[in-house]
Structures are given as C-alpha cells and as structure tokens.
C-alpha cells in the first residue's frame, strides 16, 4: 500500500500528515497529527479528498489511473507540499 508522509507547517507548527491508499481498490486513509481524519473503502474513481490540517483546508489529489503511473499531490491552504 503506497504511503506518503509530510511535515506541514501551519502557523509555525509542524504537523505530520500521512496519506496511504491501495493501488488495488483505491481504499485508504489520511492521518493528521497521528489521528485518522478520513478513511474510505473501495473507490474506483478516487480523485481527491478534502480535510483540515491545523484549521487550514487540505486536498489530497490523485492523478492517473494505472499503477505505477498514479501521481499524488498534497495541497494545504493553496500551496503544494513537498
């Protein structure tokens, strides 16, 4: 199961964000600060999930449909995370 980890800076605070999902059925979960804030089952049309990080809007966005060509971006408060 692919997993992406980030350390997101919000108002001077570093908040860990972990996004994991299955290439097989696109199920997955999002953790913010060690707590699961979103989880989903089978989703053949997984494109994006919206959630909060430190009170800021975050978007986990998937592009592409075929592994290993699936691209993933995390956007927090309008800024792409590295």
C-alpha atoms as a PDB file:
ATOM      1  CA  UNK A   1       0.000   0.000   0.000  1.00  0.00           C
ATOM      2  CA  UNK A   2       1.634   3.309  -1.065  1.00  0.00           C
ATOM      3  CA  UNK A   3       2.113   5.839   1.691  1.00  0.00           C
ATOM      4  CA  UNK A   4       3.190   9.483   1.537  1.00  0.00           C
ATOM      5  CA  UNK A   5       4.352  11.355   4.635  1.00  0.00           C
ATOM      6  CA  UNK A   6       4.583  15.107   5.036  1.00  0.00           C
ATOM      7  CA  UNK A   7       5.522  17.601   7.704  1.00  0.00           C
ATOM      8  CA  UNK A   8       3.163  20.536   7.104  1.00  0.00           C
ATOM      9  CA  UNK A   9       3.949  23.953   8.606  1.00  0.00           C
ATOM     10  CA  UNK A  10       0.835  25.802   9.788  1.00  0.00           C
ATOM     11  CA  UNK A  11       1.220  28.986  11.848  1.00  0.00           C
ATOM     12  CA  UNK A  12       4.735  27.981  12.921  1.00  0.00           C
ATOM     13  CA  UNK A  13       3.690  24.482  13.975  1.00  0.00           C
ATOM     14  CA  UNK A  14       4.897  21.334  12.191  1.00  0.00           C
ATOM     15  CA  UNK A  15       2.029  18.867  11.739  1.00  0.00           C
ATOM     16  CA  UNK A  16       2.641  15.328  10.422  1.00  0.00           C
ATOM     17  CA  UNK A  17       0.308  14.192   7.628  1.00  0.00           C
ATOM     18  CA  UNK A  18       0.288  10.616   6.308  1.00  0.00           C
ATOM     19  CA  UNK A  19      -1.788   9.559   3.304  1.00  0.00           C
ATOM     20  CA  UNK A  20      -1.997   5.868   2.393  1.00  0.00           C
ATOM     21  CA  UNK A  21      -4.061   4.119  -0.281  1.00  0.00           C
ATOM     22  CA  UNK A  22      -4.321   0.839  -2.113  1.00  0.00           C
ATOM     23  CA  UNK A  23      -3.425   0.544  -5.792  1.00  0.00           C
ATOM     24  CA  UNK A  24      -5.778  -2.439  -5.985  1.00  0.00           C
ATOM     25  CA  UNK A  25      -9.083  -0.872  -4.896  1.00  0.00           C
ATOM     26  CA  UNK A  26      -8.168   2.758  -4.012  1.00  0.00           C
ATOM     27  CA  UNK A  27      -9.230   2.315  -0.375  1.00  0.00           C
ATOM     28  CA  UNK A  28      -7.175   4.294   2.112  1.00  0.00           C
ATOM     29  CA  UNK A  29      -6.872   6.709   4.986  1.00  0.00           C
ATOM     30  CA  UNK A  30      -5.483  10.113   5.944  1.00  0.00           C
ATOM     31  CA  UNK A  31      -3.820  10.767   9.295  1.00  0.00           C
ATOM     32  CA  UNK A  32      -3.154  14.239  10.683  1.00  0.00           C
ATOM     33  CA  UNK A  33      -1.101  14.515  13.855  1.00  0.00           C
ATOM     34  CA  UNK A  34      -1.368  10.753  14.390  1.00  0.00           C
ATOM     35  CA  UNK A  35      -5.187  10.689  14.213  1.00  0.00           C
ATOM     36  CA  UNK A  36      -7.195   9.247  11.319  1.00  0.00           C
ATOM     37  CA  UNK A  37      -9.269  12.137   9.920  1.00  0.00           C
ATOM     38  CA  UNK A  38     -10.587  10.375   6.801  1.00  0.00           C
ATOM     39  CA  UNK A  39     -10.885   6.746   5.727  1.00  0.00           C
ATOM     40  CA  UNK A  40     -12.642   5.182   2.770  1.00  0.00           C
ATOM     41  CA  UNK A  41     -13.269   1.804   1.215  1.00  0.00           C
ATOM     42  CA  UNK A  42     -13.476   0.764  -2.409  1.00  0.00           C
ATOM     43  CA  UNK A  43     -13.413   3.836  -4.668  1.00  0.00           C
ATOM     44  CA  UNK A  44     -12.776   3.136  -8.343  1.00  0.00           C
ATOM     45  CA  UNK A  45     -12.907   6.853  -9.131  1.00  0.00           C
ATOM     46  CA  UNK A  46     -10.573   8.200  -6.428  1.00  0.00           C
ATOM     47  CA  UNK A  47      -9.597  11.721  -7.425  1.00  0.00           C
ATOM     48  CA  UNK A  48      -9.379  13.861  -4.309  1.00  0.00           C
ATOM     49  CA  UNK A  49     -10.214  14.042  -0.612  1.00  0.00           C
ATOM     50  CA  UNK A  50     -10.634  17.255   1.381  1.00  0.00           C
ATOM     51  CA  UNK A  51      -9.736  17.580   5.078  1.00  0.00           C
ATOM     52  CA  UNK A  52      -8.267  20.041   7.602  1.00  0.00           C
ATOM     53  CA  UNK A  53      -4.678  20.473   8.782  1.00  0.00           C
ATOM     54  CA  UNK A  54      -4.316  22.925  11.642  1.00  0.00           C
ATOM     55  CA  UNK A  55      -7.554  24.642  10.640  1.00  0.00           C
ATOM     56  CA  UNK A  56      -6.406  25.055   7.014  1.00  0.00           C
ATOM     57  CA  UNK A  57      -8.100  23.341   4.072  1.00  0.00           C
ATOM     58  CA  UNK A  58      -6.064  20.486   2.630  1.00  0.00           C
ATOM     59  CA  UNK A  59      -6.639  18.462  -0.523  1.00  0.00           C
ATOM     60  CA  UNK A  60      -5.122  15.079  -1.295  1.00  0.00           C
ATOM     61  CA  UNK A  61      -5.313  14.739  -5.081  1.00  0.00           C
ATOM     62  CA  UNK A  62      -4.609  11.692  -7.226  1.00  0.00           C
ATOM     63  CA  UNK A  63      -3.980  11.909 -10.978  1.00  0.00           C
ATOM     64  CA  UNK A  64      -3.726   8.955 -13.322  1.00  0.00           C
ATOM     65  CA  UNK A  65      -5.411   5.605 -13.012  1.00  0.00           C
ATOM     66  CA  UNK A  66      -2.809   2.908 -13.631  1.00  0.00           C
ATOM     67  CA  UNK A  67      -0.055   1.979 -11.147  1.00  0.00           C
ATOM     68  CA  UNK A  68       2.806   2.917 -11.113  1.00  0.00           C
ATOM     69  CA  UNK A  69       1.706   5.989 -13.093  1.00  0.00           C
ATOM     70  CA  UNK A  70      -0.574   7.305 -10.356  1.00  0.00           C
ATOM     71  CA  UNK A  71       0.569  10.792  -9.365  1.00  0.00           C
ATOM     72  CA  UNK A  72      -0.244  12.219  -5.947  1.00  0.00           C
ATOM     73  CA  UNK A  73      -0.271  15.822  -4.663  1.00  0.00           C
ATOM     74  CA  UNK A  74      -0.991  17.329  -1.265  1.00  0.00           C
ATOM     75  CA  UNK A  75      -2.191  20.934  -1.248  1.00  0.00           C
ATOM     76  CA  UNK A  76      -2.613  22.832   2.037  1.00  0.00           C
ATOM     77  CA  UNK A  77      -4.102  26.337   2.096  1.00  0.00           C
ATOM     78  CA  UNK A  78      -3.470  26.603  -1.662  1.00  0.00           C
ATOM     79  CA  UNK A  79       0.217  25.566  -1.500  1.00  0.00           C
ATOM     80  CA  UNK A  80       1.641  22.320  -2.864  1.00  0.00           C
ATOM     81  CA  UNK A  81       3.582  20.359  -0.232  1.00  0.00           C
ATOM     82  CA  UNK A  82       6.920  18.705  -0.930  1.00  0.00           C
END
